[in-house]
Amino acid sequence: IVEIRSYAFKNCPKLATINLEGVDFIREGAFYGCSALENVSF
């Protein structure tokens, strides 16, 4: 996976941590509204 497309995880209520190392593009609104998201690495 080298790209996270627009709104791919929109409003995902359980996503708290995600490792995006190796991803080149994080598109518009990819994690919009993921209220539990606290840890991201890229």
PDB file of all heavy atoms in Angstrom:
ATOM      1  N   ILE A   1       0.852  -1.195   0.000  1.00  0.00           N
ATOM      2  CA  ILE A   1       0.000   0.000   0.000  1.00  0.00           C
ATOM      3  C   ILE A   1       0.882   1.238   0.000  1.00  0.00           C
ATOM      4  O   ILE A   1       1.670   1.448   0.918  1.00  0.00           O
ATOM      5  CB  ILE A   1      -0.922   0.029   1.237  1.00  0.00           C
ATOM      6  CG1 ILE A   1      -1.820  -1.201   1.301  1.00  0.00           C
ATOM      7  CG2 ILE A   1      -1.739   1.319   1.283  1.00  0.00           C
ATOM      8  CD1 ILE A   1      -2.857  -1.286   0.228  1.00  0.00           C
ATOM      9  N   VAL A   2       0.755   2.056  -1.039  1.00  0.00           N
ATOM     10  CA  VAL A   2       1.548   3.284  -1.126  1.00  0.00           C
ATOM     11  C   VAL A   2       0.667   4.530  -1.103  1.00  0.00           C
ATOM     12  O   VAL A   2       1.162   5.650  -1.079  1.00  0.00           O
ATOM     13  CB  VAL A   2       2.450   3.302  -2.383  1.00  0.00           C
ATOM     14  CG1 VAL A   2       3.510   2.213  -2.290  1.00  0.00           C
ATOM     15  CG2 VAL A   2       1.641   3.182  -3.641  1.00  0.00           C
ATOM     16  N   GLU A   3      -0.647   4.343  -1.107  1.00  0.00           N
ATOM     17  CA  GLU A   3      -1.574   5.473  -1.110  1.00  0.00           C
ATOM     18  C   GLU A   3      -2.814   5.117  -0.299  1.00  0.00           C
ATOM     19  O   GLU A   3      -3.362   4.034  -0.442  1.00  0.00           O
ATOM     20  CB  GLU A   3      -1.991   5.798  -2.545  1.00  0.00           C
ATOM     21  CG  GLU A   3      -3.037   6.862  -2.671  1.00  0.00           C
ATOM     22  CD  GLU A   3      -3.434   7.132  -4.112  1.00  0.00           C
ATOM     23  OE1 GLU A   3      -2.827   6.556  -5.038  1.00  0.00           O
ATOM     24  OE2 GLU A   3      -4.360   7.915  -4.313  1.00  0.00           O
ATOM     25  N   ILE A   4      -3.214   6.054   0.564  1.00  0.00           N
ATOM     26  CA  ILE A   4      -4.480   5.934   1.273  1.00  0.00           C
ATOM     27  C   ILE A   4      -5.427   6.891   0.561  1.00  0.00           C
ATOM     28  O   ILE A   4      -5.221   8.105   0.570  1.00  0.00           O
ATOM     29  CB  ILE A   4      -4.355   6.307   2.769  1.00  0.00           C
ATOM     30  CG1 ILE A   4      -3.256   5.494   3.457  1.00  0.00           C
ATOM     31  CG2 ILE A   4      -5.691   6.130   3.464  1.00  0.00           C
ATOM     32  CD1 ILE A   4      -3.492   4.004   3.489  1.00  0.00           C
ATOM     33  N   ARG A   5      -6.438   6.360  -0.072  1.00  0.00           N
ATOM     34  CA  ARG A   5      -7.331   7.173  -0.895  1.00  0.00           C
ATOM     35  C   ARG A   5      -8.262   8.045  -0.058  1.00  0.00           C
ATOM     36  O   ARG A   5      -8.470   7.810   1.124  1.00  0.00           O
ATOM     37  CB  ARG A   5      -8.141   6.279  -1.819  1.00  0.00           C
ATOM     38  CG  ARG A   5      -7.248   5.626  -2.840  1.00  0.00           C
ATOM     39  CD  ARG A   5      -8.029   4.953  -3.895  1.00  0.00           C
ATOM     40  NE  ARG A   5      -7.133   4.407  -4.912  1.00  0.00           N
ATOM     41  CZ  ARG A   5      -7.546   3.667  -5.894  1.00  0.00           C
ATOM     42  NH1 ARG A   5      -8.820   3.350  -6.019  1.00  0.00           N
ATOM     43  NH2 ARG A   5      -6.688   3.226  -6.776  1.00  0.00           N
ATOM     44  N   SER A   6      -8.850   9.018  -0.722  1.00  0.00           N
ATOM     45  CA  SER A   6      -9.760   9.958  -0.070  1.00  0.00           C
ATOM     46  C   SER A   6     -10.863   9.244   0.695  1.00  0.00           C
ATOM     47  O   SER A   6     -11.511   8.341   0.154  1.00  0.00           O
ATOM     48  CB  SER A   6     -10.386  10.891  -1.107  1.00  0.00           C
ATOM     49  OG  SER A   6      -9.394  11.666  -1.729  1.00  0.00           O
ATOM     50  N   TYR A   7     -11.026   9.641   1.941  1.00  0.00           N
ATOM     51  CA  TYR A   7     -12.093   9.162   2.825  1.00  0.00           C
ATOM     52  C   TYR A   7     -12.094   7.652   3.032  1.00  0.00           C
ATOM     53  O   TYR A   7     -13.108   7.063   3.382  1.00  0.00           O
ATOM     54  CB  TYR A   7     -13.455   9.660   2.326  1.00  0.00           C
ATOM     55  CG  TYR A   7     -13.484  11.162   2.236  1.00  0.00           C
ATOM     56  CD1 TYR A   7     -13.292  11.815   1.023  1.00  0.00           C
ATOM     57  CD2 TYR A   7     -13.626  11.938   3.379  1.00  0.00           C
ATOM     58  CE1 TYR A   7     -13.267  13.205   0.943  1.00  0.00           C
ATOM     59  CE2 TYR A   7     -13.609  13.326   3.312  1.00  0.00           C
ATOM     60  CZ  TYR A   7     -13.428  13.942   2.097  1.00  0.00           C
ATOM     61  OH  TYR A   7     -13.398  15.319   2.039  1.00  0.00           O
ATOM     62  N   ALA A   8     -10.943   7.005   2.879  1.00  0.00           N
ATOM     63  CA  ALA A   8     -10.831   5.546   3.000  1.00  0.00           C
ATOM     64  C   ALA A   8     -11.271   5.039   4.374  1.00  0.00           C
ATOM     65  O   ALA A   8     -11.884   3.982   4.472  1.00  0.00           O
ATOM     66  CB  ALA A   8      -9.403   5.103   2.717  1.00  0.00           C
ATOM     67  N   PHE A   9     -10.951   5.771   5.430  1.00  0.00           N
ATOM     68  CA  PHE A   9     -11.286   5.341   6.785  1.00  0.00           C
ATOM     69  C   PHE A   9     -12.257   6.319   7.455  1.00  0.00           C
ATOM     70  O   PHE A   9     -12.357   6.355   8.674  1.00  0.00           O
ATOM     71  CB  PHE A   9     -10.017   5.224   7.637  1.00  0.00           C
ATOM     72  CG  PHE A   9      -9.094   4.126   7.196  1.00  0.00           C
ATOM     73  CD1 PHE A   9      -8.067   4.379   6.293  1.00  0.00           C
ATOM     74  CD2 PHE A   9      -9.252   2.829   7.667  1.00  0.00           C
ATOM     75  CE1 PHE A   9      -7.210   3.370   5.885  1.00  0.00           C
ATOM     76  CE2 PHE A   9      -8.406   1.817   7.268  1.00  0.00           C
ATOM     77  CZ  PHE A   9      -7.381   2.083   6.366  1.00  0.00           C
ATOM     78  N   LYS A  10     -12.973   7.082   6.677  1.00  0.00           N
ATOM     79  CA  LYS A  10     -13.855   8.133   7.196  1.00  0.00           C
ATOM     80  C   LYS A  10     -14.771   7.600   8.298  1.00  0.00           C
ATOM     81  O   LYS A  10     -15.426   6.574   8.142  1.00  0.00           O
ATOM     82  CB  LYS A  10     -14.696   8.720   6.069  1.00  0.00           C
ATOM     83  CG  LYS A  10     -15.605   9.836   6.524  1.00  0.00           C
ATOM     84  CD  LYS A  10     -16.446  10.362   5.388  1.00  0.00           C
ATOM     85  CE  LYS A  10     -17.381  11.452   5.899  1.00  0.00           C
ATOM     86  NZ  LYS A  10     -18.307  11.864   4.846  1.00  0.00           N
ATOM     87  N   ASN A  11     -14.772   8.332   9.416  1.00  0.00           N
ATOM     88  CA  ASN A  11     -15.650   8.046  10.555  1.00  0.00           C
ATOM     89  C   ASN A  11     -15.511   6.640  11.125  1.00  0.00           C
ATOM     90  O   ASN A  11     -16.464   6.092  11.662  1.00  0.00           O
ATOM     91  CB  ASN A  11     -17.112   8.326  10.201  1.00  0.00           C
ATOM     92  CG  ASN A  11     -17.370   9.788   9.942  1.00  0.00           C
ATOM     93  OD1 ASN A  11     -16.791  10.648  10.595  1.00  0.00           O
ATOM     94  ND2 ASN A  11     -18.212  10.080   8.982  1.00  0.00           N
ATOM     95  N   CYS A  12     -14.327   6.063  11.026  1.00  0.00           N
ATOM     96  CA  CYS A  12     -14.082   4.744  11.617  1.00  0.00           C
ATOM     97  C   CYS A  12     -13.926   4.937  13.126  1.00  0.00           C
ATOM     98  O   CYS A  12     -12.911   5.471  13.572  1.00  0.00           O
ATOM     99  CB  CYS A  12     -12.833   4.114  11.012  1.00  0.00           C
ATOM    100  SG  CYS A  12     -12.521   2.457  11.614  1.00  0.00           S
ATOM    101  N   PRO A  13     -14.904   4.497  13.927  1.00  0.00           N
ATOM    102  CA  PRO A  13     -14.899   4.820  15.350  1.00  0.00           C
ATOM    103  C   PRO A  13     -13.913   4.016  16.203  1.00  0.00           C
ATOM    104  O   PRO A  13     -13.621   4.417  17.317  1.00  0.00           O
ATOM    105  CB  PRO A  13     -16.332   4.511  15.790  1.00  0.00           C
ATOM    106  CG  PRO A  13     -16.758   3.424  14.864  1.00  0.00           C
ATOM    107  CD  PRO A  13     -16.088   3.733  13.547  1.00  0.00           C
ATOM    108  N   LYS A  14     -13.390   2.914  15.695  1.00  0.00           N
ATOM    109  CA  LYS A  14     -12.521   2.066  16.505  1.00  0.00           C
ATOM    110  C   LYS A  14     -11.039   2.180  16.164  1.00  0.00           C
ATOM    111  O   LYS A  14     -10.211   1.637  16.882  1.00  0.00           O
ATOM    112  CB  LYS A  14     -12.957   0.609  16.384  1.00  0.00           C
ATOM    113  CG  LYS A  14     -14.333   0.392  16.974  1.00  0.00           C
ATOM    114  CD  LYS A  14     -14.718  -1.048  16.931  1.00  0.00           C
ATOM    115  CE  LYS A  14     -16.093  -1.222  17.561  1.00  0.00           C
ATOM    116  NZ  LYS A  14     -16.482  -2.602  17.625  1.00  0.00           N
ATOM    117  N   LEU A  15     -10.707   2.864  15.095  1.00  0.00           N
ATOM    118  CA  LEU A  15      -9.313   2.989  14.678  1.00  0.00           C
ATOM    119  C   LEU A  15      -8.578   3.917  15.634  1.00  0.00           C
ATOM    120  O   LEU A  15      -8.886   5.106  15.723  1.00  0.00           O
ATOM    121  CB  LEU A  15      -9.222   3.534  13.250  1.00  0.00           C
ATOM    122  CG  LEU A  15      -7.833   3.681  12.657  1.00  0.00           C
ATOM    123  CD1 LEU A  15      -7.168   2.310  12.550  1.00  0.00           C
ATOM    124  CD2 LEU A  15      -7.903   4.347  11.301  1.00  0.00           C
ATOM    125  N   ALA A  16      -7.623   3.377  16.397  1.00  0.00           N
ATOM    126  CA  ALA A  16      -6.894   4.170  17.384  1.00  0.00           C
ATOM    127  C   ALA A  16      -5.435   4.388  17.015  1.00  0.00           C
ATOM    128  O   ALA A  16      -4.851   5.416  17.340  1.00  0.00           O
ATOM    129  CB  ALA A  16      -6.984   3.502  18.751  1.00  0.00           C
ATOM    130  N   THR A  17      -4.832   3.423  16.322  1.00  0.00           N
ATOM    131  CA  THR A  17      -3.417   3.475  15.970  1.00  0.00           C
ATOM    132  C   THR A  17      -3.248   2.941  14.553  1.00  0.00           C
ATOM    133  O   THR A  17      -3.878   1.954  14.187  1.00  0.00           O
ATOM    134  CB  THR A  17      -2.597   2.595  16.937  1.00  0.00           C
ATOM    135  OG1 THR A  17      -2.768   3.097  18.263  1.00  0.00           O
ATOM    136  CG2 THR A  17      -1.123   2.611  16.591  1.00  0.00           C
ATOM    137  N   ILE A  18      -2.368   3.604  13.779  1.00  0.00           N
ATOM    138  CA  ILE A  18      -2.082   3.089  12.442  1.00  0.00           C
ATOM    139  C   ILE A  18      -0.647   3.438  12.057  1.00  0.00           C
ATOM    140  O   ILE A  18      -0.159   4.530  12.353  1.00  0.00           O
ATOM    141  CB  ILE A  18      -3.082   3.610  11.388  1.00  0.00           C
ATOM    142  CG1 ILE A  18      -2.936   2.827  10.085  1.00  0.00           C
ATOM    143  CG2 ILE A  18      -2.971   5.105  11.195  1.00  0.00           C
ATOM    144  CD1 ILE A  18      -4.112   2.917   9.160  1.00  0.00           C
ATOM    145  N   ASN A  19       0.027   2.493  11.441  1.00  0.00           N
ATOM    146  CA  ASN A  19       1.388   2.674  10.948  1.00  0.00           C
ATOM    147  C   ASN A  19       1.311   2.864   9.439  1.00  0.00           C
ATOM    148  O   ASN A  19       0.920   1.957   8.715  1.00  0.00           O
ATOM    149  CB  ASN A  19       2.237   1.453  11.286  1.00  0.00           C
ATOM    150  CG  ASN A  19       3.659   1.578  10.804  1.00  0.00           C
ATOM    151  OD1 ASN A  19       3.979   2.424   9.973  1.00  0.00           O
ATOM    152  ND2 ASN A  19       4.525   0.737  11.318  1.00  0.00           N
ATOM    153  N   LEU A  20       1.693   4.037   8.971  1.00  0.00           N
ATOM    154  CA  LEU A  20       1.637   4.370   7.548  1.00  0.00           C
ATOM    155  C   LEU A  20       3.030   4.510   6.943  1.00  0.00           C
ATOM    156  O   LEU A  20       3.188   5.142   5.903  1.00  0.00           O
ATOM    157  CB  LEU A  20       0.840   5.669   7.354  1.00  0.00           C
ATOM    158  CG  LEU A  20      -0.605   5.613   7.831  1.00  0.00           C
ATOM    159  CD1 LEU A  20      -1.242   6.988   7.773  1.00  0.00           C
ATOM    160  CD2 LEU A  20      -1.395   4.617   7.008  1.00  0.00           C
ATOM    161  N   GLU A  21       4.032   3.938   7.598  1.00  0.00           N
ATOM    162  CA  GLU A  21       5.385   3.990   7.052  1.00  0.00           C
ATOM    163  C   GLU A  21       5.402   3.225   5.740  1.00  0.00           C
ATOM    164  O   GLU A  21       4.846   2.132   5.631  1.00  0.00           O
ATOM    165  CB  GLU A  21       6.370   3.423   8.058  1.00  0.00           C
ATOM    166  CG  GLU A  21       6.489   4.316   9.280  1.00  0.00           C
ATOM    167  CD  GLU A  21       7.332   3.715  10.376  1.00  0.00           C
ATOM    168  OE1 GLU A  21       8.072   2.756  10.128  1.00  0.00           O
ATOM    169  OE2 GLU A  21       7.230   4.232  11.499  1.00  0.00           O
ATOM    170  N   GLY A  22       5.986   3.821   4.721  1.00  0.00           N
ATOM    171  CA  GLY A  22       5.998   3.236   3.387  1.00  0.00           C
ATOM    172  C   GLY A  22       4.895   3.770   2.494  1.00  0.00           C
ATOM    173  O   GLY A  22       4.899   3.561   1.292  1.00  0.00           O
ATOM    174  N   VAL A  23       3.932   4.497   3.087  1.00  0.00           N
ATOM    175  CA  VAL A  23       2.859   5.124   2.308  1.00  0.00           C
ATOM    176  C   VAL A  23       3.373   6.458   1.782  1.00  0.00           C
ATOM    177  O   VAL A  23       3.955   7.248   2.525  1.00  0.00           O
ATOM    178  CB  VAL A  23       1.599   5.319   3.188  1.00  0.00           C
ATOM    179  CG1 VAL A  23       0.557   6.146   2.470  1.00  0.00           C
ATOM    180  CG2 VAL A  23       1.029   3.969   3.603  1.00  0.00           C
ATOM    181  N   ASP A  24       3.163   6.710   0.487  1.00  0.00           N
ATOM    182  CA  ASP A  24       3.644   7.938  -0.145  1.00  0.00           C
ATOM    183  C   ASP A  24       2.620   9.068  -0.128  1.00  0.00           C
ATOM    184  O   ASP A  24       2.984  10.240  -0.118  1.00  0.00           O
ATOM    185  CB  ASP A  24       4.050   7.669  -1.597  1.00  0.00           C
ATOM    186  CG  ASP A  24       5.215   6.711  -1.693  1.00  0.00           C
ATOM    187  OD1 ASP A  24       6.092   6.716  -0.814  1.00  0.00           O
ATOM    188  OD2 ASP A  24       5.246   5.926  -2.670  1.00  0.00           O
ATOM    189  N   PHE A  25       1.324   8.717  -0.179  1.00  0.00           N
ATOM    190  CA  PHE A  25       0.260   9.714  -0.259  1.00  0.00           C
ATOM    191  C   PHE A  25      -0.863   9.376   0.711  1.00  0.00           C
ATOM    192  O   PHE A  25      -1.328   8.245   0.763  1.00  0.00           O
ATOM    193  CB  PHE A  25      -0.338   9.767  -1.673  1.00  0.00           C
ATOM    194  CG  PHE A  25       0.646  10.129  -2.736  1.00  0.00           C
ATOM    195  CD1 PHE A  25       1.284   9.143  -3.460  1.00  0.00           C
ATOM    196  CD2 PHE A  25       0.946  11.453  -3.008  1.00  0.00           C
ATOM    197  CE1 PHE A  25       2.200   9.461  -4.448  1.00  0.00           C
ATOM    198  CE2 PHE A  25       1.865  11.781  -3.989  1.00  0.00           C
ATOM    199  CZ  PHE A  25       2.499  10.784  -4.705  1.00  0.00           C
ATOM    200  N   ILE A  26      -1.303  10.388   1.449  1.00  0.00           N
ATOM    201  CA  ILE A  26      -2.497  10.280   2.281  1.00  0.00           C
ATOM    202  C   ILE A  26      -3.449  11.326   1.720  1.00  0.00           C
ATOM    203  O   ILE A  26      -3.221  12.532   1.855  1.00  0.00           O
ATOM    204  CB  ILE A  26      -2.190  10.531   3.768  1.00  0.00           C
ATOM    205  CG1 ILE A  26      -1.134   9.532   4.254  1.00  0.00           C
ATOM    206  CG2 ILE A  26      -3.466  10.426   4.595  1.00  0.00           C
ATOM    207  CD1 ILE A  26      -0.614   9.811   5.644  1.00  0.00           C
ATOM    208  N   ARG A  27      -4.475  10.861   1.059  1.00  0.00           N
ATOM    209  CA  ARG A  27      -5.364  11.752   0.315  1.00  0.00           C
ATOM    210  C   ARG A  27      -6.378  12.465   1.211  1.00  0.00           C
ATOM    211  O   ARG A  27      -6.555  12.145   2.371  1.00  0.00           O
ATOM    212  CB  ARG A  27      -6.095  10.968  -0.777  1.00  0.00           C
ATOM    213  CG  ARG A  27      -5.174  10.326  -1.796  1.00  0.00           C
ATOM    214  CD  ARG A  27      -4.427  11.362  -2.584  1.00  0.00           C
ATOM    215  NE  ARG A  27      -3.594  10.735  -3.611  1.00  0.00           N
ATOM    216  CZ  ARG A  27      -2.662  11.368  -4.273  1.00  0.00           C
ATOM    217  NH1 ARG A  27      -2.411  12.636  -4.037  1.00  0.00           N
ATOM    218  NH2 ARG A  27      -1.940  10.742  -5.187  1.00  0.00           N
ATOM    219  N   GLU A  28      -7.049  13.428   0.604  1.00  0.00           N
ATOM    220  CA  GLU A  28      -8.027  14.279   1.277  1.00  0.00           C
ATOM    221  C   GLU A  28      -9.009  13.474   2.131  1.00  0.00           C
ATOM    222  O   GLU A  28      -9.630  12.531   1.661  1.00  0.00           O
ATOM    223  CB  GLU A  28      -8.795  15.071   0.223  1.00  0.00           C
ATOM    224  CG  GLU A  28      -9.911  15.911   0.764  1.00  0.00           C
ATOM    225  CD  GLU A  28     -10.682  16.610  -0.324  1.00  0.00           C
ATOM    226  OE1 GLU A  28     -10.382  16.433  -1.518  1.00  0.00           O
ATOM    227  OE2 GLU A  28     -11.615  17.330   0.021  1.00  0.00           O
ATOM    228  N   GLY A  29      -9.126  13.863   3.395  1.00  0.00           N
ATOM    229  CA  GLY A  29     -10.106  13.277   4.288  1.00  0.00           C
ATOM    230  C   GLY A  29      -9.935  11.804   4.601  1.00  0.00           C
ATOM    231  O   GLY A  29     -10.851  11.166   5.104  1.00  0.00           O
ATOM    232  N   ALA A  30      -8.770  11.243   4.346  1.00  0.00           N
ATOM    233  CA  ALA A  30      -8.558   9.798   4.497  1.00  0.00           C
ATOM    234  C   ALA A  30      -8.976   9.271   5.872  1.00  0.00           C
ATOM    235  O   ALA A  30      -9.535   8.185   5.973  1.00  0.00           O
ATOM    236  CB  ALA A  30      -7.105   9.439   4.219  1.00  0.00           C
ATOM    237  N   PHE A  31      -8.736  10.042   6.919  1.00  0.00           N
ATOM    238  CA  PHE A  31      -9.068   9.609   8.281  1.00  0.00           C
ATOM    239  C   PHE A  31     -10.067  10.566   8.935  1.00  0.00           C
ATOM    240  O   PHE A  31     -10.182  10.608  10.151  1.00  0.00           O
ATOM    241  CB  PHE A  31      -7.795   9.496   9.120  1.00  0.00           C
ATOM    242  CG  PHE A  31      -6.867   8.441   8.603  1.00  0.00           C
ATOM    243  CD1 PHE A  31      -5.844   8.766   7.726  1.00  0.00           C
ATOM    244  CD2 PHE A  31      -7.036   7.123   8.954  1.00  0.00           C
ATOM    245  CE1 PHE A  31      -4.994   7.793   7.221  1.00  0.00           C
ATOM    246  CE2 PHE A  31      -6.196   6.134   8.456  1.00  0.00           C
ATOM    247  CZ  PHE A  31      -5.180   6.475   7.586  1.00  0.00           C
ATOM    248  N   TYR A  32     -10.783  11.293   8.128  1.00  0.00           N
ATOM    249  CA  TYR A  32     -11.744  12.284   8.600  1.00  0.00           C
ATOM    250  C   TYR A  32     -12.718  11.658   9.609  1.00  0.00           C
ATOM    251  O   TYR A  32     -13.334  10.637   9.347  1.00  0.00           O
ATOM    252  CB  TYR A  32     -12.535  12.857   7.416  1.00  0.00           C
ATOM    253  CG  TYR A  32     -13.520  13.918   7.802  1.00  0.00           C
ATOM    254  CD1 TYR A  32     -13.167  15.259   7.752  1.00  0.00           C
ATOM    255  CD2 TYR A  32     -14.802  13.597   8.211  1.00  0.00           C
ATOM    256  CE1 TYR A  32     -14.070  16.244   8.098  1.00  0.00           C
ATOM    257  CE2 TYR A  32     -15.713  14.573   8.560  1.00  0.00           C
ATOM    258  CZ  TYR A  32     -15.342  15.898   8.504  1.00  0.00           C
ATOM    259  OH  TYR A  32     -16.237  16.872   8.845  1.00  0.00           O
ATOM    260  N   GLY A  33     -12.816  12.272  10.776  1.00  0.00           N
ATOM    261  CA  GLY A  33     -13.790  11.845  11.763  1.00  0.00           C
ATOM    262  C   GLY A  33     -13.447  10.589  12.533  1.00  0.00           C
ATOM    263  O   GLY A  33     -14.295  10.053  13.242  1.00  0.00           O
ATOM    264  N   CYS A  34     -12.225  10.105  12.432  1.00  0.00           N
ATOM    265  CA  CYS A  34     -11.808   8.928  13.210  1.00  0.00           C
ATOM    266  C   CYS A  34     -11.504   9.404  14.628  1.00  0.00           C
ATOM    267  O   CYS A  34     -10.356   9.666  14.984  1.00  0.00           O
ATOM    268  CB  CYS A  34     -10.593   8.266  12.570  1.00  0.00           C
ATOM    269  SG  CYS A  34     -10.928   7.542  10.966  1.00  0.00           S
ATOM    270  N   SER A  35     -12.533   9.514  15.428  1.00  0.00           N
ATOM    271  CA  SER A  35     -12.433  10.166  16.733  1.00  0.00           C
ATOM    272  C   SER A  35     -11.537   9.445  17.734  1.00  0.00           C
ATOM    273  O   SER A  35     -11.022  10.066  18.664  1.00  0.00           O
ATOM    274  CB  SER A  35     -13.827  10.346  17.327  1.00  0.00           C
ATOM    275  OG  SER A  35     -14.485   9.096  17.413  1.00  0.00           O
ATOM    276  N   ALA A  36     -11.314   8.152  17.576  1.00  0.00           N
ATOM    277  CA  ALA A  36     -10.454   7.408  18.500  1.00  0.00           C
ATOM    278  C   ALA A  36      -8.979   7.433  18.079  1.00  0.00           C
ATOM    279  O   ALA A  36      -8.113   7.004  18.834  1.00  0.00           O
ATOM    280  CB  ALA A  36     -10.926   5.957  18.602  1.00  0.00           C
ATOM    281  N   LEU A  37      -8.688   7.951  16.896  1.00  0.00           N
ATOM    282  CA  LEU A  37      -7.319   7.930  16.376  1.00  0.00           C
ATOM    283  C   LEU A  37      -6.406   8.812  17.218  1.00  0.00           C
ATOM    284  O   LEU A  37      -6.631  10.011  17.351  1.00  0.00           O
ATOM    285  CB  LEU A  37      -7.304   8.390  14.915  1.00  0.00           C
ATOM    286  CG  LEU A  37      -5.992   8.237  14.169  1.00  0.00           C
ATOM    287  CD1 LEU A  37      -5.557   6.768  14.125  1.00  0.00           C
ATOM    288  CD2 LEU A  37      -6.128   8.771  12.746  1.00  0.00           C
ATOM    289  N   GLU A  38      -5.371   8.193  17.809  1.00  0.00           N
ATOM    290  CA  GLU A  38      -4.439   8.921  18.667  1.00  0.00           C
ATOM    291  C   GLU A  38      -2.980   8.743  18.269  1.00  0.00           C
ATOM    292  O   GLU A  38      -2.155   9.567  18.617  1.00  0.00           O
ATOM    293  CB  GLU A  38      -4.612   8.479  20.116  1.00  0.00           C
ATOM    294  CG  GLU A  38      -5.954   8.865  20.694  1.00  0.00           C
ATOM    295  CD  GLU A  38      -6.101   8.483  22.148  1.00  0.00           C
ATOM    296  OE1 GLU A  38      -5.166   7.886  22.715  1.00  0.00           O
ATOM    297  OE2 GLU A  38      -7.163   8.787  22.714  1.00  0.00           O
ATOM    298  N   ASN A  39      -2.661   7.652  17.571  1.00  0.00           N
ATOM    299  CA  ASN A  39      -1.274   7.366  17.221  1.00  0.00           C
ATOM    300  C   ASN A  39      -1.154   7.057  15.737  1.00  0.00           C
ATOM    301  O   ASN A  39      -1.780   6.121  15.250  1.00  0.00           O
ATOM    302  CB  ASN A  39      -0.756   6.165  18.022  1.00  0.00           C
ATOM    303  CG  ASN A  39      -0.765   6.434  19.500  1.00  0.00           C
ATOM    304  OD1 ASN A  39      -0.165   7.393  19.959  1.00  0.00           O
ATOM    305  ND2 ASN A  39      -1.466   5.602  20.253  1.00  0.00           N
ATOM    306  N   VAL A  40      -0.335   7.840  15.050  1.00  0.00           N
ATOM    307  CA  VAL A  40      -0.079   7.643  13.624  1.00  0.00           C
ATOM    308  C   VAL A  40       1.417   7.763  13.404  1.00  0.00           C
ATOM    309  O   VAL A  40       2.051   8.680  13.924  1.00  0.00           O
ATOM    310  CB  VAL A  40      -0.805   8.692  12.757  1.00  0.00           C
ATOM    311  CG1 VAL A  40      -0.466   8.522  11.300  1.00  0.00           C
ATOM    312  CG2 VAL A  40      -2.304   8.622  12.961  1.00  0.00           C
ATOM    313  N   SER A  41       1.979   6.846  12.645  1.00  0.00           N
ATOM    314  CA  SER A  41       3.381   6.977  12.256  1.00  0.00           C
ATOM    315  C   SER A  41       3.459   6.923  10.736  1.00  0.00           C
ATOM    316  O   SER A  41       2.751   6.153  10.101  1.00  0.00           O
ATOM    317  CB  SER A  41       4.236   5.880  12.887  1.00  0.00           C
ATOM    318  OG  SER A  41       3.766   4.611  12.518  1.00  0.00           O
ATOM    319  N   PHE A  42       4.284   7.804  10.173  1.00  0.00           N
ATOM    320  CA  PHE A  42       4.469   7.835   8.721  1.00  0.00           C
ATOM    321  C   PHE A  42       5.839   8.404   8.417  1.00  0.00           C
ATOM    322  O   PHE A  42       6.474   9.025   9.272  1.00  0.00           O
ATOM    323  CB  PHE A  42       3.363   8.633   8.023  1.00  0.00           C
ATOM    324  CG  PHE A  42       3.041   9.969   8.636  1.00  0.00           C
ATOM    325  CD1 PHE A  42       3.838  11.075   8.422  1.00  0.00           C
ATOM    326  CD2 PHE A  42       1.929  10.114   9.437  1.00  0.00           C
ATOM    327  CE1 PHE A  42       3.541  12.293   8.985  1.00  0.00           C
ATOM    328  CE2 PHE A  42       1.607  11.342  10.005  1.00  0.00           C
ATOM    329  CZ  PHE A  42       2.417  12.426   9.774  1.00  0.00           C
TER     330      PHE A  42
END
